[in-house]
Amino acid sequence: MARVVLVTGVSDDFAARCARSLAARPGLEVVGVDLVPPRRPLEDVSFVRADVRSPVLAGLLVSREVDTVVHLAPLVVRGGSRRSRAADKESNVIGSMQLFAACQRSSRVRSVVLGSTAEVYAASARNPAAFREDAGLRGGPRTAFAQDCLEIESYARSLPQRRPDVAVTVLRLGPLLGAGVRSQLTRWLSGPVVPKAAGFDARLQFLHPADGAHAVTRAVTHPEPGLYNVAAPDVVMLSQLLTWLGRPAWPVPRPALAALRRPAARADLTVPDDVDGITFGRVLDVRRVAEALQVRSHWTSRSAAEEFIALTSPGVRSHIVSVAQRRLGAGRA
């Protein structure tokens, strides 16, 4: 008998990719759920239009005999929500509480996989070389999105206290980067200039969506309860990345960077909510996921960046270099 996996948030490209990856595995039947239809075909995934806050979802778990729930809906907000803070919290935190309550009531549910974020680790000048899963979250997360994700994690991790037979796996995902990724991070890097904190050169670590989908799939097919960091093993400096992109930095005093967010938007520039992350950087220790889940990234941070750059319009520096090379070549001819 096929296992039935329910995936939330499939209007998002990454969640949809995870759903398709799961559906491609033999013995798995996948149901995708969201209030908004996906932008691309889900292929072998059965789509149900529903809200995670709706009582309909509890009935869906029972009627479809779902045994595994993959909750990725909270990550959709990081892609760029235009809703109010209250609406985001209602959808993410309250919706997650209701989803986990429905899982608790359904006797068939045996596994829950939650997609969380590396942003729960507060970036600062006191960053360790790499954050381990057992690192204390001193100072607390800096963004509202990260606060929500940490609260959702607490509800998910408390589920086995009421249902000891349910395995809960939490994946703290690094920033997604690669072809087609749409996020605050990619909008920030795609502007004509890139606002950054003056005097800082952040250590950046990325996650290619293919590796993220592989980690989610592995967590479903080989359930191993626990908390895991998921990211590429290498690090790229912000200055390196801007050089590859051919985009000039716009150094701004760090205290003013967050205040620049709205004025920058009017100039078609983006300043991410995670100002501390783009100032100090945030690097994850990924040894635990490799050992326990046998998940190793095929894409490095650098190769994920190179794929993104290959499909991004050249920056002004790249254009200047290209013009100079053409003129130099013409002069020699």
C-alpha atoms as a PDB file:
ATOM      1  CA  MET A   1       0.000   0.000   0.000  1.00  0.00           C
ATOM      2  CA  ALA A   2       1.360   3.419  -0.969  1.00  0.00           C
ATOM      3  CA  ARG A   3       2.281   5.916   1.699  1.00  0.00           C
ATOM      4  CA  VAL A   4       0.383   9.205   1.431  1.00  0.00           C
ATOM      5  CA  VAL A   5       2.316  12.456   1.929  1.00  0.00           C
ATOM      6  CA  LEU A   6       0.647  15.848   2.315  1.00  0.00           C
ATOM      7  CA  VAL A   7       2.768  18.893   1.387  1.00  0.00           C
ATOM      8  CA  THR A   8       1.646  22.399   2.363  1.00  0.00           C
ATOM      9  CA  GLY A   9       2.502  25.661   0.585  1.00  0.00           C
ATOM     10  CA  VAL A  10       2.779  24.241  -2.946  1.00  0.00           C
ATOM     11  CA  SER A  11       2.043  27.613  -4.573  1.00  0.00           C
ATOM     12  CA  ASP A  12       5.696  28.313  -3.749  1.00  0.00           C
ATOM     13  CA  ASP A  13       8.220  27.050  -6.303  1.00  0.00           C
ATOM     14  CA  PHE A  14      10.408  25.338  -3.696  1.00  0.00           C
ATOM     15  CA  ALA A  15       7.501  23.549  -1.988  1.00  0.00           C
ATOM     16  CA  ALA A  16       6.192  22.489  -5.409  1.00  0.00           C
ATOM     17  CA  ARG A  17       9.644  21.146  -6.279  1.00  0.00           C
ATOM     18  CA  CYS A  18       9.675  19.128  -3.051  1.00  0.00           C
ATOM     19  CA  ALA A  19       6.211  17.743  -3.831  1.00  0.00           C
ATOM     20  CA  ARG A  20       7.284  16.668  -7.335  1.00  0.00           C
ATOM     21  CA  SER A  21      10.462  15.091  -5.951  1.00  0.00           C
ATOM     22  CA  LEU A  22       8.416  13.062  -3.481  1.00  0.00           C
ATOM     23  CA  ALA A  23       5.868  12.036  -6.128  1.00  0.00           C
ATOM     24  CA  ALA A  24       8.704  10.672  -8.268  1.00  0.00           C
ATOM     25  CA  ARG A  25       9.608   8.166  -5.546  1.00  0.00           C
ATOM     26  CA  PRO A  26       7.967   4.733  -5.859  1.00  0.00           C
ATOM     27  CA  GLY A  27       5.455   3.914  -3.175  1.00  0.00           C
ATOM     28  CA  LEU A  28       4.575   7.526  -2.387  1.00  0.00           C
ATOM     29  CA  GLU A  29       1.300   9.279  -3.195  1.00  0.00           C
ATOM     30  CA  VAL A  30       1.537  13.056  -2.762  1.00  0.00           C
ATOM     31  CA  VAL A  31      -1.202  15.585  -2.027  1.00  0.00           C
ATOM     32  CA  GLY A  32      -0.291  19.270  -2.396  1.00  0.00           C
ATOM     33  CA  VAL A  33      -2.256  21.845  -0.411  1.00  0.00           C
ATOM     34  CA  ASP A  34      -2.420  25.634  -0.676  1.00  0.00           C
ATOM     35  CA  LEU A  35      -4.907  28.482  -0.893  1.00  0.00           C
ATOM     36  CA  VAL A  36      -3.313  29.592  -4.180  1.00  0.00           C
ATOM     37  CA  PRO A  37      -2.831  27.253  -7.160  1.00  0.00           C
ATOM     38  CA  PRO A  38       0.798  26.498  -8.084  1.00  0.00           C
ATOM     39  CA  ARG A  39       2.389  28.521 -10.887  1.00  0.00           C
ATOM     40  CA  ARG A  40       3.690  25.409 -12.647  1.00  0.00           C
ATOM     41  CA  PRO A  41       2.169  21.943 -13.195  1.00  0.00           C
ATOM     42  CA  LEU A  42       2.601  19.596 -10.244  1.00  0.00           C
ATOM     43  CA  GLU A  43       2.713  16.557 -12.544  1.00  0.00           C
ATOM     44  CA  ASP A  44       1.891  13.482 -10.413  1.00  0.00           C
ATOM     45  CA  VAL A  45       0.890  15.519  -7.350  1.00  0.00           C
ATOM     46  CA  SER A  46      -2.790  15.784  -6.476  1.00  0.00           C
ATOM     47  CA  PHE A  47      -3.624  19.434  -5.685  1.00  0.00           C
ATOM     48  CA  VAL A  48      -6.253  20.424  -3.125  1.00  0.00           C
ATOM     49  CA  ARG A  49      -7.145  24.081  -2.638  1.00  0.00           C
ATOM     50  CA  ALA A  50      -7.420  24.568   1.116  1.00  0.00           C
ATOM     51  CA  ASP A  51      -6.170  26.695   4.012  1.00  0.00           C
ATOM     52  CA  VAL A  52      -4.074  25.049   6.730  1.00  0.00           C
ATOM     53  CA  ARG A  53      -6.279  26.912   9.236  1.00  0.00           C
ATOM     54  CA  SER A  54      -9.424  25.310   7.846  1.00  0.00           C
ATOM     55  CA  PRO A  55     -11.187  22.348   9.526  1.00  0.00           C
ATOM     56  CA  VAL A  56     -11.247  20.877   6.007  1.00  0.00           C
ATOM     57  CA  LEU A  57      -7.600  19.945   6.411  1.00  0.00           C
ATOM     58  CA  ALA A  58      -8.274  17.671   9.393  1.00  0.00           C
ATOM     59  CA  GLY A  59     -10.875  15.844   7.312  1.00  0.00           C
ATOM     60  CA  LEU A  60      -8.422  15.633   4.410  1.00  0.00           C
ATOM     61  CA  LEU A  61      -5.834  13.902   6.587  1.00  0.00           C
ATOM     62  CA  VAL A  62      -8.402  11.258   7.454  1.00  0.00           C
ATOM     63  CA  SER A  63     -10.104  10.863   4.073  1.00  0.00           C
ATOM     64  CA  ARG A  64      -6.835  10.584   2.144  1.00  0.00           C
ATOM     65  CA  GLU A  65      -5.257   8.403   4.854  1.00  0.00           C
ATOM     66  CA  VAL A  66      -2.235  10.696   5.121  1.00  0.00           C
ATOM     67  CA  ASP A  67       0.657   9.227   7.120  1.00  0.00           C
ATOM     68  CA  THR A  68       3.278  11.968   6.551  1.00  0.00           C
ATOM     69  CA  VAL A  69       2.885  15.752   6.628  1.00  0.00           C
ATOM     70  CA  VAL A  70       5.523  18.050   5.104  1.00  0.00           C
ATOM     71  CA  HIS A  71       4.848  21.587   6.332  1.00  0.00           C
ATOM     72  CA  LEU A  72       6.527  24.156   4.071  1.00  0.00           C
ATOM     73  CA  ALA A  73       3.818  26.827   4.003  1.00  0.00           C
ATOM     74  CA  PRO A  74       5.620  29.195   6.459  1.00  0.00           C
ATOM     75  CA  LEU A  75       8.538  29.502   4.017  1.00  0.00           C
ATOM     76  CA  VAL A  76       6.255  31.049   1.379  1.00  0.00           C
ATOM     77  CA  VAL A  77       6.213  34.337   3.308  1.00  0.00           C
ATOM     78  CA  ARG A  78       9.988  34.712   2.995  1.00  0.00           C
ATOM     79  CA  GLY A  79       9.449  34.812  -0.773  1.00  0.00           C
ATOM     80  CA  GLY A  80       7.846  38.207  -0.300  1.00  0.00           C
ATOM     81  CA  SER A  81       4.520  38.740   1.429  1.00  0.00           C
ATOM     82  CA  ARG A  82       2.576  41.963   1.017  1.00  0.00           C
ATOM     83  CA  ARG A  83       0.222  41.117   3.853  1.00  0.00           C
ATOM     84  CA  SER A  84       0.262  42.794   7.237  1.00  0.00           C
ATOM     85  CA  ARG A  85       2.376  41.426  10.066  1.00  0.00           C
ATOM     86  CA  ALA A  86      -0.795  40.301  11.863  1.00  0.00           C
ATOM     87  CA  ALA A  87      -2.023  38.436   8.777  1.00  0.00           C
ATOM     88  CA  ASP A  88       1.329  36.706   8.339  1.00  0.00           C
ATOM     89  CA  LYS A  89       1.381  35.583  11.964  1.00  0.00           C
ATOM     90  CA  GLU A  90      -2.217  34.388  11.748  1.00  0.00           C
ATOM     91  CA  SER A  91      -1.443  32.306   8.688  1.00  0.00           C
ATOM     92  CA  ASN A  92       1.937  30.959   9.811  1.00  0.00           C
ATOM     93  CA  VAL A  93       1.804  30.468  13.553  1.00  0.00           C
ATOM     94  CA  ILE A  94      -1.906  29.917  14.138  1.00  0.00           C
ATOM     95  CA  GLY A  95      -2.196  27.878  10.944  1.00  0.00           C
ATOM     96  CA  SER A  96       0.712  25.667  12.007  1.00  0.00           C
ATOM     97  CA  MET A  97      -0.779  25.136  15.462  1.00  0.00           C
ATOM     98  CA  GLN A  98      -4.030  23.999  13.890  1.00  0.00           C
ATOM     99  CA  LEU A  99      -2.228  21.744  11.423  1.00  0.00           C
ATOM    100  CA  PHE A 100      -0.236  20.030  14.189  1.00  0.00           C
ATOM    101  CA  ALA A 101      -3.432  19.637  16.224  1.00  0.00           C
ATOM    102  CA  ALA A 102      -5.028  17.914  13.225  1.00  0.00           C
ATOM    103  CA  CYS A 103      -1.961  15.649  12.972  1.00  0.00           C
ATOM    104  CA  GLN A 104      -2.324  14.793  16.637  1.00  0.00           C
ATOM    105  CA  ARG A 105      -5.954  13.772  16.143  1.00  0.00           C
ATOM    106  CA  SER A 106      -5.310  11.654  13.057  1.00  0.00           C
ATOM    107  CA  SER A 107      -4.281   8.151  14.095  1.00  0.00           C
ATOM    108  CA  ARG A 108      -2.643   7.468  10.705  1.00  0.00           C
ATOM    109  CA  VAL A 109      -0.115  10.317  10.827  1.00  0.00           C
ATOM    110  CA  ARG A 110       3.269   8.897  11.800  1.00  0.00           C
ATOM    111  CA  SER A 111       5.728  11.530  10.556  1.00  0.00           C
ATOM    112  CA  VAL A 112       5.941  15.329  10.332  1.00  0.00           C
ATOM    113  CA  VAL A 113       8.672  17.186   8.437  1.00  0.00           C
ATOM    114  CA  LEU A 114       8.889  20.938   9.056  1.00  0.00           C
ATOM    115  CA  GLY A 115      10.786  23.331   6.818  1.00  0.00           C
ATOM    116  CA  SER A 116      12.294  26.085   8.972  1.00  0.00           C
ATOM    117  CA  THR A 117      15.012  28.676   8.392  1.00  0.00           C
ATOM    118  CA  ALA A 118      18.629  29.334   9.343  1.00  0.00           C
ATOM    119  CA  GLU A 119      17.503  32.835  10.337  1.00  0.00           C
ATOM    120  CA  VAL A 120      16.529  31.493  13.772  1.00  0.00           C
ATOM    121  CA  TYR A 121      20.243  31.788  14.590  1.00  0.00           C
ATOM    122  CA  ALA A 122      20.753  35.455  15.474  1.00  0.00           C
ATOM    123  CA  ALA A 123      23.632  36.843  13.408  1.00  0.00           C
ATOM    124  CA  SER A 124      26.013  39.182  15.193  1.00  0.00           C
ATOM    125  CA  ALA A 125      29.667  40.096  15.586  1.00  0.00           C
ATOM    126  CA  ARG A 126      29.873  37.183  18.061  1.00  0.00           C
ATOM    127  CA  ASN A 127      28.932  34.555  15.474  1.00  0.00           C
ATOM    128  CA  PRO A 128      30.639  31.183  15.908  1.00  0.00           C
ATOM    129  CA  ALA A 129      32.586  29.851  12.923  1.00  0.00           C
ATOM    130  CA  ALA A 130      29.505  27.734  12.187  1.00  0.00           C
ATOM    131  CA  PHE A 131      26.203  27.366  14.044  1.00  0.00           C
ATOM    132  CA  ARG A 132      25.531  23.863  15.351  1.00  0.00           C
ATOM    133  CA  GLU A 133      21.963  22.679  15.955  1.00  0.00           C
ATOM    134  CA  ASP A 134      22.530  22.785  19.709  1.00  0.00           C
ATOM    135  CA  ALA A 135      23.782  26.385  19.624  1.00  0.00           C
ATOM    136  CA  GLY A 136      22.028  28.630  22.088  1.00  0.00           C
ATOM    137  CA  LEU A 137      19.788  31.181  20.401  1.00  0.00           C
ATOM    138  CA  ARG A 138      21.174  34.080  22.443  1.00  0.00           C
ATOM    139  CA  GLY A 139      19.551  37.388  21.756  1.00  0.00           C
ATOM    140  CA  GLY A 140      16.744  35.743  19.837  1.00  0.00           C
ATOM    141  CA  PRO A 141      16.013  35.966  16.134  1.00  0.00           C
ATOM    142  CA  ARG A 142      16.044  39.435  14.662  1.00  0.00           C
ATOM    143  CA  THR A 143      13.283  39.228  12.044  1.00  0.00           C
ATOM    144  CA  ALA A 144       9.565  38.683  12.511  1.00  0.00           C
ATOM    145  CA  PHE A 145       9.730  35.807  10.034  1.00  0.00           C
ATOM    146  CA  ALA A 146      12.437  34.054  12.082  1.00  0.00           C
ATOM    147  CA  GLN A 147      10.486  34.613  15.295  1.00  0.00           C
ATOM    148  CA  ASP A 148       7.466  32.942  13.713  1.00  0.00           C
ATOM    149  CA  CYS A 149       9.559  30.009  12.488  1.00  0.00           C
ATOM    150  CA  LEU A 150      11.086  29.484  15.927  1.00  0.00           C
ATOM    151  CA  GLU A 151       7.627  29.500  17.499  1.00  0.00           C
ATOM    152  CA  ILE A 152       6.379  27.016  14.883  1.00  0.00           C
ATOM    153  CA  GLU A 153       9.396  24.795  15.599  1.00  0.00           C
ATOM    154  CA  SER A 154       8.451  24.710  19.291  1.00  0.00           C
ATOM    155  CA  TYR A 155       4.918  23.549  18.476  1.00  0.00           C
ATOM    156  CA  ALA A 156       6.181  20.873  16.084  1.00  0.00           C
ATOM    157  CA  ARG A 157       8.776  19.557  18.527  1.00  0.00           C
ATOM    158  CA  SER A 158       6.167  19.325  21.295  1.00  0.00           C
ATOM    159  CA  LEU A 159       3.911  17.090  19.174  1.00  0.00           C
ATOM    160  CA  PRO A 160       5.678  13.830  20.211  1.00  0.00           C
ATOM    161  CA  GLN A 161       4.905  14.656  23.857  1.00  0.00           C
ATOM    162  CA  ARG A 162       1.247  14.040  23.040  1.00  0.00           C
ATOM    163  CA  ARG A 163       1.838  11.497  20.275  1.00  0.00           C
ATOM    164  CA  PRO A 164       5.044   9.530  21.016  1.00  0.00           C
ATOM    165  CA  ASP A 165       4.462   7.467  17.864  1.00  0.00           C
ATOM    166  CA  VAL A 166       4.902  10.532  15.612  1.00  0.00           C
ATOM    167  CA  ALA A 167       8.430  11.306  14.359  1.00  0.00           C
ATOM    168  CA  VAL A 168       9.129  15.038  13.937  1.00  0.00           C
ATOM    169  CA  THR A 169      12.006  16.233  11.750  1.00  0.00           C
ATOM    170  CA  VAL A 170      12.857  19.947  11.599  1.00  0.00           C
ATOM    171  CA  LEU A 171      15.060  21.144   8.723  1.00  0.00           C
ATOM    172  CA  ARG A 172      16.651  24.560   9.176  1.00  0.00           C
ATOM    173  CA  LEU A 173      17.303  25.526   5.573  1.00  0.00           C
ATOM    174  CA  GLY A 174      19.982  27.944   4.431  1.00  0.00           C
ATOM    175  CA  PRO A 175      19.098  30.754   1.987  1.00  0.00           C
ATOM    176  CA  LEU A 176      17.968  29.329  -1.356  1.00  0.00           C
ATOM    177  CA  LEU A 177      19.974  30.420  -4.390  1.00  0.00           C
ATOM    178  CA  GLY A 178      19.992  29.141  -7.951  1.00  0.00           C
ATOM    179  CA  ALA A 179      18.201  29.515 -11.262  1.00  0.00           C
ATOM    180  CA  GLY A 180      14.638  30.773 -10.905  1.00  0.00           C
ATOM    181  CA  VAL A 181      14.768  31.447  -7.159  1.00  0.00           C
ATOM    182  CA  ARG A 182      12.647  34.467  -6.245  1.00  0.00           C
ATOM    183  CA  SER A 183      13.247  35.902  -2.799  1.00  0.00           C
ATOM    184  CA  GLN A 184      14.326  39.009  -0.925  1.00  0.00           C
ATOM    185  CA  LEU A 185      17.900  37.752  -1.271  1.00  0.00           C
ATOM    186  CA  THR A 186      17.765  37.432  -5.073  1.00  0.00           C
ATOM    187  CA  ARG A 187      16.003  40.792  -5.457  1.00  0.00           C
ATOM    188  CA  TRP A 188      18.694  42.396  -3.293  1.00  0.00           C
ATOM    189  CA  LEU A 189      21.443  40.902  -5.457  1.00  0.00           C
ATOM    190  CA  SER A 190      19.685  41.803  -8.725  1.00  0.00           C
ATOM    191  CA  GLY A 191      19.448  45.564  -8.228  1.00  0.00           C
ATOM    192  CA  PRO A 192      21.633  48.037 -10.170  1.00  0.00           C
ATOM    193  CA  VAL A 193      23.594  48.559  -6.946  1.00  0.00           C
ATOM    194  CA  VAL A 194      23.573  46.441  -3.789  1.00  0.00           C
ATOM    195  CA  PRO A 195      23.049  48.271  -0.468  1.00  0.00           C
ATOM    196  CA  LYS A 196      25.312  46.798   2.236  1.00  0.00           C
ATOM    197  CA  ALA A 197      26.622  47.675   5.672  1.00  0.00           C
ATOM    198  CA  ALA A 198      29.747  49.804   5.367  1.00  0.00           C
ATOM    199  CA  GLY A 199      32.856  48.159   6.771  1.00  0.00           C
ATOM    200  CA  PHE A 200      31.459  44.611   6.768  1.00  0.00           C
ATOM    201  CA  ASP A 201      32.001  41.667   4.387  1.00  0.00           C
ATOM    202  CA  ALA A 202      29.452  38.971   5.228  1.00  0.00           C
ATOM    203  CA  ARG A 203      30.264  35.255   5.070  1.00  0.00           C
ATOM    204  CA  LEU A 204      27.410  33.797   3.018  1.00  0.00           C
ATOM    205  CA  GLN A 205      26.259  30.207   2.691  1.00  0.00           C
ATOM    206  CA  PHE A 206      23.558  29.091   0.271  1.00  0.00           C
ATOM    207  CA  LEU A 207      21.348  26.099  -0.486  1.00  0.00           C
ATOM    208  CA  HIS A 208      20.447  25.093  -4.025  1.00  0.00           C
ATOM    209  CA  PRO A 209      16.736  24.210  -4.320  1.00  0.00           C
ATOM    210  CA  ALA A 210      17.601  20.744  -5.694  1.00  0.00           C
ATOM    211  CA  ASP A 211      19.593  19.964  -2.553  1.00  0.00           C
ATOM    212  CA  GLY A 212      16.828  21.366  -0.372  1.00  0.00           C
ATOM    213  CA  ALA A 213      14.252  19.154  -2.099  1.00  0.00           C
ATOM    214  CA  HIS A 214      16.574  16.167  -1.694  1.00  0.00           C
ATOM    215  CA  ALA A 215      16.837  16.823   2.061  1.00  0.00           C
ATOM    216  CA  VAL A 216      13.035  17.031   2.402  1.00  0.00           C
ATOM    217  CA  THR A 217      12.584  13.842   0.364  1.00  0.00           C
ATOM    218  CA  ARG A 218      15.178  12.000   2.442  1.00  0.00           C
ATOM    219  CA  ALA A 219      13.494  13.128   5.675  1.00  0.00           C
ATOM    220  CA  VAL A 220      10.241  11.602   4.397  1.00  0.00           C
ATOM    221  CA  THR A 221      11.617   8.338   3.031  1.00  0.00           C
ATOM    222  CA  HIS A 222      14.027   7.733   5.928  1.00  0.00           C
ATOM    223  CA  PRO A 223      12.414   9.388   8.972  1.00  0.00           C
ATOM    224  CA  GLU A 224      14.992  10.360  11.572  1.00  0.00           C
ATOM    225  CA  PRO A 225      13.520  12.612  14.273  1.00  0.00           C
ATOM    226  CA  GLY A 226      15.534  15.643  15.228  1.00  0.00           C
ATOM    227  CA  LEU A 227      16.745  19.079  14.241  1.00  0.00           C
ATOM    228  CA  TYR A 228      19.052  19.475  11.240  1.00  0.00           C
ATOM    229  CA  ASN A 229      20.865  22.306   9.475  1.00  0.00           C
ATOM    230  CA  VAL A 230      20.747  22.033   5.684  1.00  0.00           C
ATOM    231  CA  ALA A 231      23.073  24.070   3.455  1.00  0.00           C
ATOM    232  CA  ALA A 232      26.062  23.775   1.156  1.00  0.00           C
ATOM    233  CA  PRO A 233      29.325  23.094   3.032  1.00  0.00           C
ATOM    234  CA  ASP A 234      31.306  26.068   1.676  1.00  0.00           C
ATOM    235  CA  VAL A 235      31.211  29.821   2.217  1.00  0.00           C
ATOM    236  CA  VAL A 236      31.257  32.779  -0.204  1.00  0.00           C
ATOM    237  CA  MET A 237      32.216  36.290   0.868  1.00  0.00           C
ATOM    238  CA  LEU A 238      29.790  39.046  -0.106  1.00  0.00           C
ATOM    239  CA  SER A 239      32.583  40.974  -1.829  1.00  0.00           C
ATOM    240  CA  GLN A 240      33.344  37.907  -3.986  1.00  0.00           C
ATOM    241  CA  LEU A 241      29.711  37.486  -4.923  1.00  0.00           C
ATOM    242  CA  LEU A 242      29.316  41.144  -5.937  1.00  0.00           C
ATOM    243  CA  THR A 243      32.460  40.884  -8.079  1.00  0.00           C
ATOM    244  CA  TRP A 244      31.067  37.834  -9.891  1.00  0.00           C
ATOM    245  CA  LEU A 245      27.740  39.602 -10.367  1.00  0.00           C
ATOM    246  CA  GLY A 246      29.448  42.750 -11.654  1.00  0.00           C
ATOM    247  CA  ARG A 247      27.362  44.867  -9.303  1.00  0.00           C
ATOM    248  CA  PRO A 248      28.758  47.753  -7.278  1.00  0.00           C
ATOM    249  CA  ALA A 249      28.121  47.836  -3.551  1.00  0.00           C
ATOM    250  CA  TRP A 250      26.442  50.844  -1.954  1.00  0.00           C
ATOM    251  CA  PRO A 251      28.025  51.051   1.513  1.00  0.00           C
ATOM    252  CA  VAL A 252      25.584  52.414   4.091  1.00  0.00           C
ATOM    253  CA  PRO A 253      26.180  52.848   7.844  1.00  0.00           C
ATOM    254  CA  ARG A 254      24.776  49.727   9.465  1.00  0.00           C
ATOM    255  CA  PRO A 255      22.286  51.548  11.762  1.00  0.00           C
ATOM    256  CA  ALA A 256      20.779  53.249   8.698  1.00  0.00           C
ATOM    257  CA  LEU A 257      20.493  50.123   6.551  1.00  0.00           C
ATOM    258  CA  ALA A 258      17.145  48.928   7.935  1.00  0.00           C
ATOM    259  CA  ALA A 259      15.702  52.452   7.727  1.00  0.00           C
ATOM    260  CA  LEU A 260      16.671  52.526   4.057  1.00  0.00           C
ATOM    261  CA  ARG A 261      14.289  49.697   3.192  1.00  0.00           C
ATOM    262  CA  ARG A 262      11.306  51.786   2.068  1.00  0.00           C
ATOM    263  CA  PRO A 263      13.236  54.548   0.259  1.00  0.00           C
ATOM    264  CA  ALA A 264      15.305  51.895  -1.519  1.00  0.00           C
ATOM    265  CA  ALA A 265      12.166  50.148  -2.759  1.00  0.00           C
ATOM    266  CA  ARG A 266      11.085  53.354  -4.514  1.00  0.00           C
ATOM    267  CA  ALA A 267      14.428  53.274  -6.380  1.00  0.00           C
ATOM    268  CA  ASP A 268      13.878  49.626  -7.408  1.00  0.00           C
ATOM    269  CA  LEU A 269      16.374  48.418  -4.792  1.00  0.00           C
ATOM    270  CA  THR A 270      15.835  45.845  -2.055  1.00  0.00           C
ATOM    271  CA  VAL A 271      17.165  45.734   1.489  1.00  0.00           C
ATOM    272  CA  PRO A 272      16.331  42.332   3.013  1.00  0.00           C
ATOM    273  CA  ASP A 273      14.556  42.133   6.368  1.00  0.00           C
ATOM    274  CA  ASP A 274      17.499  40.070   7.623  1.00  0.00           C
ATOM    275  CA  VAL A 275      19.886  43.032   7.887  1.00  0.00           C
ATOM    276  CA  ASP A 276      22.087  41.255  10.438  1.00  0.00           C
ATOM    277  CA  GLY A 277      22.431  38.275   8.092  1.00  0.00           C
ATOM    278  CA  ILE A 278      23.746  40.395   5.215  1.00  0.00           C
ATOM    279  CA  THR A 279      25.994  42.319   7.609  1.00  0.00           C
ATOM    280  CA  PHE A 280      27.679  39.583   9.640  1.00  0.00           C
ATOM    281  CA  GLY A 281      26.714  36.501   7.642  1.00  0.00           C
ATOM    282  CA  ARG A 282      25.498  33.211   9.071  1.00  0.00           C
ATOM    283  CA  VAL A 283      27.209  29.860   8.486  1.00  0.00           C
ATOM    284  CA  LEU A 284      25.696  26.481   9.429  1.00  0.00           C
ATOM    285  CA  ASP A 285      27.461  23.337  10.578  1.00  0.00           C
ATOM    286  CA  VAL A 286      25.968  20.647   8.315  1.00  0.00           C
ATOM    287  CA  ARG A 287      27.753  17.566   9.660  1.00  0.00           C
ATOM    288  CA  ARG A 288      24.748  16.265  11.582  1.00  0.00           C
ATOM    289  CA  VAL A 289      22.427  16.068   8.566  1.00  0.00           C
ATOM    290  CA  ALA A 290      25.178  14.275   6.608  1.00  0.00           C
ATOM    291  CA  GLU A 291      25.686  11.696   9.334  1.00  0.00           C
ATOM    292  CA  ALA A 292      22.112  11.055  10.471  1.00  0.00           C
ATOM    293  CA  LEU A 293      20.097  11.602   7.273  1.00  0.00           C
ATOM    294  CA  GLN A 294      22.884  10.870   4.777  1.00  0.00           C
ATOM    295  CA  VAL A 295      22.175  14.211   3.096  1.00  0.00           C
ATOM    296  CA  ARG A 296      25.146  15.826   1.369  1.00  0.00           C
ATOM    297  CA  SER A 297      24.828  18.803  -0.937  1.00  0.00           C
ATOM    298  CA  HIS A 298      25.690  18.257  -4.586  1.00  0.00           C
ATOM    299  CA  TRP A 299      25.795  22.007  -5.141  1.00  0.00           C
ATOM    300  CA  THR A 300      28.297  24.248  -3.403  1.00  0.00           C
ATOM    301  CA  SER A 301      27.467  27.804  -2.400  1.00  0.00           C
ATOM    302  CA  ARG A 302      29.708  28.932  -5.235  1.00  0.00           C
ATOM    303  CA  SER A 303      28.093  26.732  -7.898  1.00  0.00           C
ATOM    304  CA  ALA A 304      24.599  27.786  -6.746  1.00  0.00           C
ATOM    305  CA  ALA A 305      25.721  31.407  -7.070  1.00  0.00           C
ATOM    306  CA  GLU A 306      27.191  30.741 -10.513  1.00  0.00           C
ATOM    307  CA  GLU A 307      23.906  29.253 -11.738  1.00  0.00           C
ATOM    308  CA  PHE A 308      22.021  32.277 -10.418  1.00  0.00           C
ATOM    309  CA  ILE A 309      24.508  34.662 -12.047  1.00  0.00           C
ATOM    310  CA  ALA A 310      24.322  32.852 -15.404  1.00  0.00           C
ATOM    311  CA  LEU A 311      20.611  33.653 -15.665  1.00  0.00           C
ATOM    312  CA  THR A 312      20.761  37.165 -14.193  1.00  0.00           C
ATOM    313  CA  SER A 313      21.233  40.318 -16.242  1.00  0.00           C
ATOM    314  CA  PRO A 314      24.872  41.487 -16.092  1.00  0.00           C
ATOM    315  CA  GLY A 315      25.739  44.192 -13.603  1.00  0.00           C
ATOM    316  CA  VAL A 316      27.144  47.550 -14.623  1.00  0.00           C
ATOM    317  CA  ARG A 317      30.713  46.467 -13.877  1.00  0.00           C
ATOM    318  CA  SER A 318      30.332  43.422 -16.142  1.00  0.00           C
ATOM    319  CA  HIS A 319      28.978  45.669 -18.888  1.00  0.00           C
ATOM    320  CA  ILE A 320      31.909  48.096 -18.547  1.00  0.00           C
ATOM    321  CA  VAL A 321      34.442  45.258 -18.678  1.00  0.00           C
ATOM    322  CA  SER A 322      32.686  43.733 -21.710  1.00  0.00           C
ATOM    323  CA  VAL A 323      32.719  47.057 -23.584  1.00  0.00           C
ATOM    324  CA  ALA A 324      36.391  47.635 -22.710  1.00  0.00           C
ATOM    325  CA  GLN A 325      37.328  44.166 -23.932  1.00  0.00           C
ATOM    326  CA  ARG A 326      35.491  44.683 -27.231  1.00  0.00           C
ATOM    327  CA  ARG A 327      37.186  48.068 -27.779  1.00  0.00           C
ATOM    328  CA  LEU A 328      40.570  46.617 -26.855  1.00  0.00           C
ATOM    329  CA  GLY A 329      40.057  43.802 -29.333  1.00  0.00           C
ATOM    330  CA  ALA A 330      39.004  46.228 -32.059  1.00  0.00           C
ATOM    331  CA  GLY A 331      42.072  48.378 -31.395  1.00  0.00           C
ATOM    332  CA  ARG A 332      44.399  45.417 -31.769  1.00  0.00           C
ATOM    333  CA  ALA A 333      42.720  44.424 -35.021  1.00  0.00           C
END
